[in-house]
Amino acid sequence: MLQTILWGLGLVLVIEGLAYALAPSFMKDLMARMMHEPVETLRIAGFGALVIGTFLVILSQVFWA
């Protein structure tokens, strides 16, 4: 279990790092635009990402466990 959690956290950090390494200007612009978004919009986007991520984790456990 701990190995899976560390693997998932590592993968998230790799993807985040890749985005900042390959397109730092875009990421900076994206963060600036996010500052002007209403909190509720960010909350909905975060919840959507949570639901999709949970679905993908469950899907991977069902088909590849």
PDB file of N, CA and C in Angstrom:
ATOM      1  N   MET A   1       0.816  -1.196   0.000  1.00  0.00           N
ATOM      2  CA  MET A   1       0.000   0.000   0.000  1.00  0.00           C
ATOM      3  C   MET A   1       0.860   1.260   0.000  1.00  0.00           C
ATOM      4  N   LEU A   2       1.825   1.305   0.906  1.00  0.00           N
ATOM      5  CA  LEU A   2       2.703   2.473   0.968  1.00  0.00           C
ATOM      6  C   LEU A   2       3.491   2.629  -0.334  1.00  0.00           C
ATOM      7  N   GLN A   3       3.891   1.519  -0.909  1.00  0.00           N
ATOM      8  CA  GLN A   3       4.627   1.557  -2.179  1.00  0.00           C
ATOM      9  C   GLN A   3       3.762   2.187  -3.274  1.00  0.00           C
ATOM     10  N   THR A   4       2.486   1.849  -3.310  1.00  0.00           N
ATOM     11  CA  THR A   4       1.572   2.391  -4.310  1.00  0.00           C
ATOM     12  C   THR A   4       1.369   3.891  -4.112  1.00  0.00           C
ATOM     13  N   ILE A   5       1.236   4.304  -2.852  1.00  0.00           N
ATOM     14  CA  ILE A   5       1.061   5.726  -2.557  1.00  0.00           C
ATOM     15  C   ILE A   5       2.300   6.508  -2.981  1.00  0.00           C
ATOM     16  N   LEU A   6       3.473   5.997  -2.652  1.00  0.00           N
ATOM     17  CA  LEU A   6       4.715   6.672  -3.041  1.00  0.00           C
ATOM     18  C   LEU A   6       4.873   6.700  -4.557  1.00  0.00           C
ATOM     19  N   TRP A   7       4.486   5.616  -5.222  1.00  0.00           N
ATOM     20  CA  TRP A   7       4.566   5.559  -6.678  1.00  0.00           C
ATOM     21  C   TRP A   7       3.658   6.614  -7.295  1.00  0.00           C
ATOM     22  N   GLY A   8       2.433   6.710  -6.779  1.00  0.00           N
ATOM     23  CA  GLY A   8       1.480   7.699  -7.297  1.00  0.00           C
ATOM     24  C   GLY A   8       1.948   9.124  -7.046  1.00  0.00           C
ATOM     25  N   LEU A   9       2.449   9.399  -5.852  1.00  0.00           N
ATOM     26  CA  LEU A   9       2.958  10.726  -5.531  1.00  0.00           C
ATOM     27  C   LEU A   9       4.153  11.078  -6.421  1.00  0.00           C
ATOM     28  N   GLY A  10       5.030  10.118  -6.624  1.00  0.00           N
ATOM     29  CA  GLY A  10       6.179  10.341  -7.505  1.00  0.00           C
ATOM     30  C   GLY A  10       5.747  10.647  -8.924  1.00  0.00           C
ATOM     31  N   LEU A  11       4.748   9.945  -9.413  1.00  0.00           N
ATOM     32  CA  LEU A  11       4.257  10.172 -10.771  1.00  0.00           C
ATOM     33  C   LEU A  11       3.655  11.563 -10.906  1.00  0.00           C
ATOM     34  N   VAL A  12       2.914  12.005  -9.906  1.00  0.00           N
ATOM     35  CA  VAL A  12       2.352  13.351  -9.920  1.00  0.00           C
ATOM     36  C   VAL A  12       3.475  14.387  -9.978  1.00  0.00           C
ATOM     37  N   LEU A  13       4.506  14.197  -9.176  1.00  0.00           N
ATOM     38  CA  LEU A  13       5.619  15.142  -9.167  1.00  0.00           C
ATOM     39  C   LEU A  13       6.381  15.150 -10.490  1.00  0.00           C
ATOM     40  N   VAL A  14       6.515  13.995 -11.120  1.00  0.00           N
ATOM     41  CA  VAL A  14       7.168  13.926 -12.429  1.00  0.00           C
ATOM     42  C   VAL A  14       6.376  14.720 -13.454  1.00  0.00           C
ATOM     43  N   ILE A  15       5.066  14.541 -13.475  1.00  0.00           N
ATOM     44  CA  ILE A  15       4.229  15.249 -14.446  1.00  0.00           C
ATOM     45  C   ILE A  15       4.237  16.751 -14.177  1.00  0.00           C
ATOM     46  N   GLU A  16       4.124  17.137 -12.896  1.00  0.00           N
ATOM     47  CA  GLU A  16       4.190  18.562 -12.539  1.00  0.00           C
ATOM     48  C   GLU A  16       5.538  19.152 -12.952  1.00  0.00           C
ATOM     49  N   GLY A  17       6.602  18.460 -12.616  1.00  0.00           N
ATOM     50  CA  GLY A  17       7.940  18.952 -12.949  1.00  0.00           C
ATOM     51  C   GLY A  17       8.141  19.066 -14.449  1.00  0.00           C
ATOM     52  N   LEU A  18       7.607  18.127 -15.184  1.00  0.00           N
ATOM     53  CA  LEU A  18       7.721  18.153 -16.637  1.00  0.00           C
ATOM     54  C   LEU A  18       7.015  19.370 -17.219  1.00  0.00           C
ATOM     55  N   ALA A  19       5.841  19.687 -16.683  1.00  0.00           N
ATOM     56  CA  ALA A  19       5.105  20.865 -17.166  1.00  0.00           C
ATOM     57  C   ALA A  19       5.909  22.139 -16.934  1.00  0.00           C
ATOM     58  N   TYR A  20       6.488  22.284 -15.746  1.00  0.00           N
ATOM     59  CA  TYR A  20       7.271  23.485 -15.445  1.00  0.00           C
ATOM     60  C   TYR A  20       8.595  23.510 -16.211  1.00  0.00           C
ATOM     61  N   ALA A  21       9.189  22.358 -16.449  1.00  0.00           N
ATOM     62  CA  ALA A  21      10.464  22.308 -17.168  1.00  0.00           C
ATOM     63  C   ALA A  21      10.297  22.607 -18.658  1.00  0.00           C
ATOM     64  N   LEU A  22       9.206  22.125 -19.247  1.00  0.00           N
ATOM     65  CA  LEU A  22       9.018  22.289 -20.685  1.00  0.00           C
ATOM     66  C   LEU A  22       8.333  23.601 -21.066  1.00  0.00           C
ATOM     67  N   ALA A  23       7.487  24.125 -20.176  1.00  0.00           N
ATOM     68  CA  ALA A  23       6.732  25.337 -20.527  1.00  0.00           C
ATOM     69  C   ALA A  23       6.600  26.268 -19.324  1.00  0.00           C
ATOM     70  N   PRO A  24       7.712  26.793 -18.819  1.00  0.00           N
ATOM     71  CA  PRO A  24       7.627  27.638 -17.624  1.00  0.00           C
ATOM     72  C   PRO A  24       6.815  28.921 -17.846  1.00  0.00           C
ATOM     73  N   SER A  25       6.920  29.510 -19.023  1.00  0.00           N
ATOM     74  CA  SER A  25       6.156  30.739 -19.292  1.00  0.00           C
ATOM     75  C   SER A  25       4.659  30.468 -19.296  1.00  0.00           C
ATOM     76  N   PHE A  26       4.270  29.360 -19.893  1.00  0.00           N
ATOM     77  CA  PHE A  26       2.861  28.989 -19.926  1.00  0.00           C
ATOM     78  C   PHE A  26       2.340  28.743 -18.519  1.00  0.00           C
ATOM     79  N   MET A  27       3.121  28.047 -17.697  1.00  0.00           N
ATOM     80  CA  MET A  27       2.695  27.751 -16.334  1.00  0.00           C
ATOM     81  C   MET A  27       2.570  29.034 -15.514  1.00  0.00           C
ATOM     82  N   LYS A  28       3.488  29.958 -15.720  1.00  0.00           N
ATOM     83  CA  LYS A  28       3.436  31.227 -15.007  1.00  0.00           C
ATOM     84  C   LYS A  28       2.185  32.012 -15.418  1.00  0.00           C
ATOM     85  N   ASP A  29       1.888  32.028 -16.718  1.00  0.00           N
ATOM     86  CA  ASP A  29       0.702  32.702 -17.221  1.00  0.00           C
ATOM     87  C   ASP A  29      -0.573  32.034 -16.693  1.00  0.00           C
ATOM     88  N   LEU A  30      -0.565  30.715 -16.647  1.00  0.00           N
ATOM     89  CA  LEU A  30      -1.707  29.975 -16.140  1.00  0.00           C
ATOM     90  C   LEU A  30      -1.970  30.328 -14.677  1.00  0.00           C
ATOM     91  N   MET A  31      -0.916  30.400 -13.881  1.00  0.00           N
ATOM     92  CA  MET A  31      -1.079  30.756 -12.467  1.00  0.00           C
ATOM     93  C   MET A  31      -1.605  32.187 -12.309  1.00  0.00           C
ATOM     94  N   ALA A  32      -1.138  33.085 -13.157  1.00  0.00           N
ATOM     95  CA  ALA A  32      -1.618  34.472 -13.100  1.00  0.00           C
ATOM     96  C   ALA A  32      -3.104  34.542 -13.448  1.00  0.00           C
ATOM     97  N   ARG A  33      -3.521  33.744 -14.437  1.00  0.00           N
ATOM     98  CA  ARG A  33      -4.934  33.726 -14.816  1.00  0.00           C
ATOM     99  C   ARG A  33      -5.797  33.110 -13.716  1.00  0.00           C
ATOM    100  N   MET A  34      -5.241  32.129 -13.024  1.00  0.00           N
ATOM    101  CA  MET A  34      -5.988  31.486 -11.946  1.00  0.00           C
ATOM    102  C   MET A  34      -6.270  32.449 -10.794  1.00  0.00           C
ATOM    103  N   MET A  35      -5.400  33.416 -10.609  1.00  0.00           N
ATOM    104  CA  MET A  35      -5.601  34.394  -9.532  1.00  0.00           C
ATOM    105  C   MET A  35      -6.873  35.214  -9.743  1.00  0.00           C
ATOM    106  N   HIS A  36      -7.322  35.322 -10.993  1.00  0.00           N
ATOM    107  CA  HIS A  36      -8.496  36.118 -11.311  1.00  0.00           C
ATOM    108  C   HIS A  36      -9.777  35.283 -11.401  1.00  0.00           C
ATOM    109  N   GLU A  37      -9.634  33.975 -11.268  1.00  0.00           N
ATOM    110  CA  GLU A  37     -10.813  33.104 -11.311  1.00  0.00           C
ATOM    111  C   GLU A  37     -11.528  33.133  -9.957  1.00  0.00           C
ATOM    112  N   PRO A  38     -12.842  33.053  -9.983  1.00  0.00           N
ATOM    113  CA  PRO A  38     -13.577  32.966  -8.711  1.00  0.00           C
ATOM    114  C   PRO A  38     -13.213  31.679  -7.965  1.00  0.00           C
ATOM    115  N   VAL A  39     -13.252  31.757  -6.655  1.00  0.00           N
ATOM    116  CA  VAL A  39     -12.913  30.598  -5.829  1.00  0.00           C
ATOM    117  C   VAL A  39     -13.802  29.408  -6.166  1.00  0.00           C
ATOM    118  N   GLU A  40     -15.061  29.659  -6.425  1.00  0.00           N
ATOM    119  CA  GLU A  40     -15.986  28.574  -6.722  1.00  0.00           C
ATOM    120  C   GLU A  40     -15.604  27.835  -8.009  1.00  0.00           C
ATOM    121  N   THR A  41     -15.110  28.543  -8.999  1.00  0.00           N
ATOM    122  CA  THR A  41     -14.663  27.909 -10.242  1.00  0.00           C
ATOM    123  C   THR A  41     -13.479  26.994  -9.974  1.00  0.00           C
ATOM    124  N   LEU A  42     -12.537  27.454  -9.175  1.00  0.00           N
ATOM    125  CA  LEU A  42     -11.376  26.632  -8.827  1.00  0.00           C
ATOM    126  C   LEU A  42     -11.793  25.408  -8.010  1.00  0.00           C
ATOM    127  N   ARG A  43     -12.765  25.597  -7.118  1.00  0.00           N
ATOM    128  CA  ARG A  43     -13.254  24.477  -6.303  1.00  0.00           C
ATOM    129  C   ARG A  43     -13.903  23.418  -7.194  1.00  0.00           C
ATOM    130  N   ILE A  44     -14.697  23.847  -8.154  1.00  0.00           N
ATOM    131  CA  ILE A  44     -15.361  22.905  -9.064  1.00  0.00           C
ATOM    132  C   ILE A  44     -14.322  22.169  -9.911  1.00  0.00           C
ATOM    133  N   ALA A  45     -13.319  22.894 -10.412  1.00  0.00           N
ATOM    134  CA  ALA A  45     -12.262  22.263 -11.207  1.00  0.00           C
ATOM    135  C   ALA A  45     -11.480  21.258 -10.356  1.00  0.00           C
ATOM    136  N   GLY A  46     -11.191  21.612  -9.121  1.00  0.00           N
ATOM    137  CA  GLY A  46     -10.485  20.699  -8.230  1.00  0.00           C
ATOM    138  C   GLY A  46     -11.297  19.453  -7.924  1.00  0.00           C
ATOM    139  N   PHE A  47     -12.594  19.638  -7.690  1.00  0.00           N
ATOM    140  CA  PHE A  47     -13.460  18.503  -7.430  1.00  0.00           C
ATOM    141  C   PHE A  47     -13.562  17.600  -8.660  1.00  0.00           C
ATOM    142  N   GLY A  48     -13.631  18.213  -9.839  1.00  0.00           N
ATOM    143  CA  GLY A  48     -13.662  17.424 -11.074  1.00  0.00           C
ATOM    144  C   GLY A  48     -12.395  16.600 -11.245  1.00  0.00           C
ATOM    145  N   ALA A  49     -11.249  17.203 -10.960  1.00  0.00           N
ATOM    146  CA  ALA A  49      -9.983  16.473 -11.045  1.00  0.00           C
ATOM    147  C   ALA A  49      -9.942  15.341 -10.021  1.00  0.00           C
ATOM    148  N   LEU A  50     -10.473  15.591  -8.840  1.00  0.00           N
ATOM    149  CA  LEU A  50     -10.539  14.564  -7.799  1.00  0.00           C
ATOM    150  C   LEU A  50     -11.375  13.374  -8.247  1.00  0.00           C
ATOM    151  N   VAL A  51     -12.530  13.653  -8.832  1.00  0.00           N
ATOM    152  CA  VAL A  51     -13.423  12.579  -9.285  1.00  0.00           C
ATOM    153  C   VAL A  51     -12.774  11.780 -10.416  1.00  0.00           C
ATOM    154  N   ILE A  52     -12.204  12.470 -11.389  1.00  0.00           N
ATOM    155  CA  ILE A  52     -11.559  11.786 -12.515  1.00  0.00           C
ATOM    156  C   ILE A  52     -10.365  10.967 -12.036  1.00  0.00           C
ATOM    157  N   GLY A  53      -9.556  11.542 -11.161  1.00  0.00           N
ATOM    158  CA  GLY A  53      -8.400  10.818 -10.632  1.00  0.00           C
ATOM    159  C   GLY A  53      -8.809   9.584  -9.859  1.00  0.00           C
ATOM    160  N   THR A  54      -9.844   9.715  -9.032  1.00  0.00           N
ATOM    161  CA  THR A  54     -10.338   8.559  -8.275  1.00  0.00           C
ATOM    162  C   THR A  54     -10.852   7.482  -9.213  1.00  0.00           C
ATOM    163  N   PHE A  55     -11.577   7.880 -10.238  1.00  0.00           N
ATOM    164  CA  PHE A  55     -12.088   6.929 -11.221  1.00  0.00           C
ATOM    165  C   PHE A  55     -10.945   6.188 -11.913  1.00  0.00           C
ATOM    166  N   LEU A  56      -9.888   6.926 -12.284  1.00  0.00           N
ATOM    167  CA  LEU A  56      -8.749   6.289 -12.951  1.00  0.00           C
ATOM    168  C   LEU A  56      -8.018   5.312 -12.036  1.00  0.00           C
ATOM    169  N   VAL A  57      -7.886   5.661 -10.771  1.00  0.00           N
ATOM    170  CA  VAL A  57      -7.236   4.758  -9.816  1.00  0.00           C
ATOM    171  C   VAL A  57      -8.067   3.490  -9.644  1.00  0.00           C
ATOM    172  N   ILE A  58      -9.373   3.652  -9.470  1.00  0.00           N
ATOM    173  CA  ILE A  58     -10.240   2.481  -9.326  1.00  0.00           C
ATOM    174  C   ILE A  58     -10.212   1.633 -10.592  1.00  0.00           C
ATOM    175  N   LEU A  59     -10.267   2.278 -11.737  1.00  0.00           N
ATOM    176  CA  LEU A  59     -10.218   1.560 -13.013  1.00  0.00           C
ATOM    177  C   LEU A  59      -8.931   0.764 -13.149  1.00  0.00           C
ATOM    178  N   SER A  60      -7.823   1.357 -12.760  1.00  0.00           N
ATOM    179  CA  SER A  60      -6.539   0.650 -12.865  1.00  0.00           C
ATOM    180  C   SER A  60      -6.494  -0.545 -11.918  1.00  0.00           C
ATOM    181  N   GLN A  61      -7.105  -0.416 -10.742  1.00  0.00           N
ATOM    182  CA  GLN A  61      -7.124  -1.532  -9.789  1.00  0.00           C
ATOM    183  C   GLN A  61      -8.030  -2.662 -10.262  1.00  0.00           C
ATOM    184  N   VAL A  62      -9.112  -2.328 -10.930  1.00  0.00           N
ATOM    185  CA  VAL A  62     -10.049  -3.345 -11.405  1.00  0.00           C
ATOM    186  C   VAL A  62      -9.451  -4.129 -12.572  1.00  0.00           C
ATOM    187  N   PHE A  63      -8.809  -3.444 -13.512  1.00  0.00           N
ATOM    188  CA  PHE A  63      -8.331  -4.112 -14.717  1.00  0.00           C
ATOM    189  C   PHE A  63      -6.906  -4.614 -14.647  1.00  0.00           C
ATOM    190  N   TRP A  64      -6.079  -4.024 -13.785  1.00  0.00           N
ATOM    191  CA  TRP A  64      -4.675  -4.418 -13.771  1.00  0.00           C
ATOM    192  C   TRP A  64      -4.169  -4.868 -12.407  1.00  0.00           C
ATOM    193  N   ALA A  65      -5.064  -5.219 -11.513  1.00  0.00           N
ATOM    194  CA  ALA A  65      -4.640  -5.649 -10.173  1.00  0.00           C
ATOM    195  C   ALA A  65      -4.258  -7.104 -10.151  1.00  0.00           C
TER     196      ALA A  65
END
